[in-house]
């Protein structure tokens, strides 16, 4: 298993808090989540406008709350601001952050600013949920499925590295959050998480937490399995709820692909590349 779980998961496994292990920490009916969005790690300035950078930074943070069936309420934003940014450019950043958060009913209530050589954004989201969707209730016999069409983020990232243009509505720029689907289907789901590190890696995490394995129903190629930063949903549900889930997917215009069945054996995806550290 050590050759499957990356350094991020190793670090998480080493922490002692009982609240660690999901897209956010559940404390009562409140969920706390946080993600960083750093220049030259998650994006390059020449790839994205300031408006796009701020929007994606907020969306990937809101994704954690939505993945847990939570309603985002407040955000704390920390910015590392390079000296070359003008006041007008800072206004563009803050305006995009506020509008994106506001679309999901979330208000920016504070944070911090520091000077730096590069543009870095770190956001904490505080959300509420009466019935959060967690990772640790995977059951033997469940179907595993993912929302949306995977692969676009990796394909467009490779194009950007080759100095080629990508579509303005590419999911690399603007992830699609499945809030309506998760809200309507929550009572039929056993577990779930968002797909930030690629289907291979995130399925491995889900299986690792539950000590279970999978039997593939659908072959998954590298273009799909290794595409990180998709921010689609990885979900599990009992076979008996198949028709209900598919009906909700259709009603909410959510493409849904069932690709595996959960088993007791320890079968993982063998090919998983970390998007945080080089192994």
Foldseek 3Di string as FASTA:
>chain_A
DVLQADPVVVVQVPDDDPQDQAQFGDDPQKTKHKDKQWDPQLHDPVQDQLLLSLLLRLVVGVLRQLFFLWQWAEKAKEKAAEPPQDPVSVVSNVVSNQVNLVVSNYHYDYYYYHYDNTIMMMMMTMTGDPHTAALAQDDAQWWKKWKDDAQQQVVVVVCVVVVHHDDPPGCSRPADHDNQLCNQCVVFFRHKHFFAQFQQSVVLSSCVNHQWAKDWPADDDCSRRRRHHNSIMITIGHPVCVVVSVVSCVVSVIHMDGTIGIGRDDHGRSDGAGSPDHD
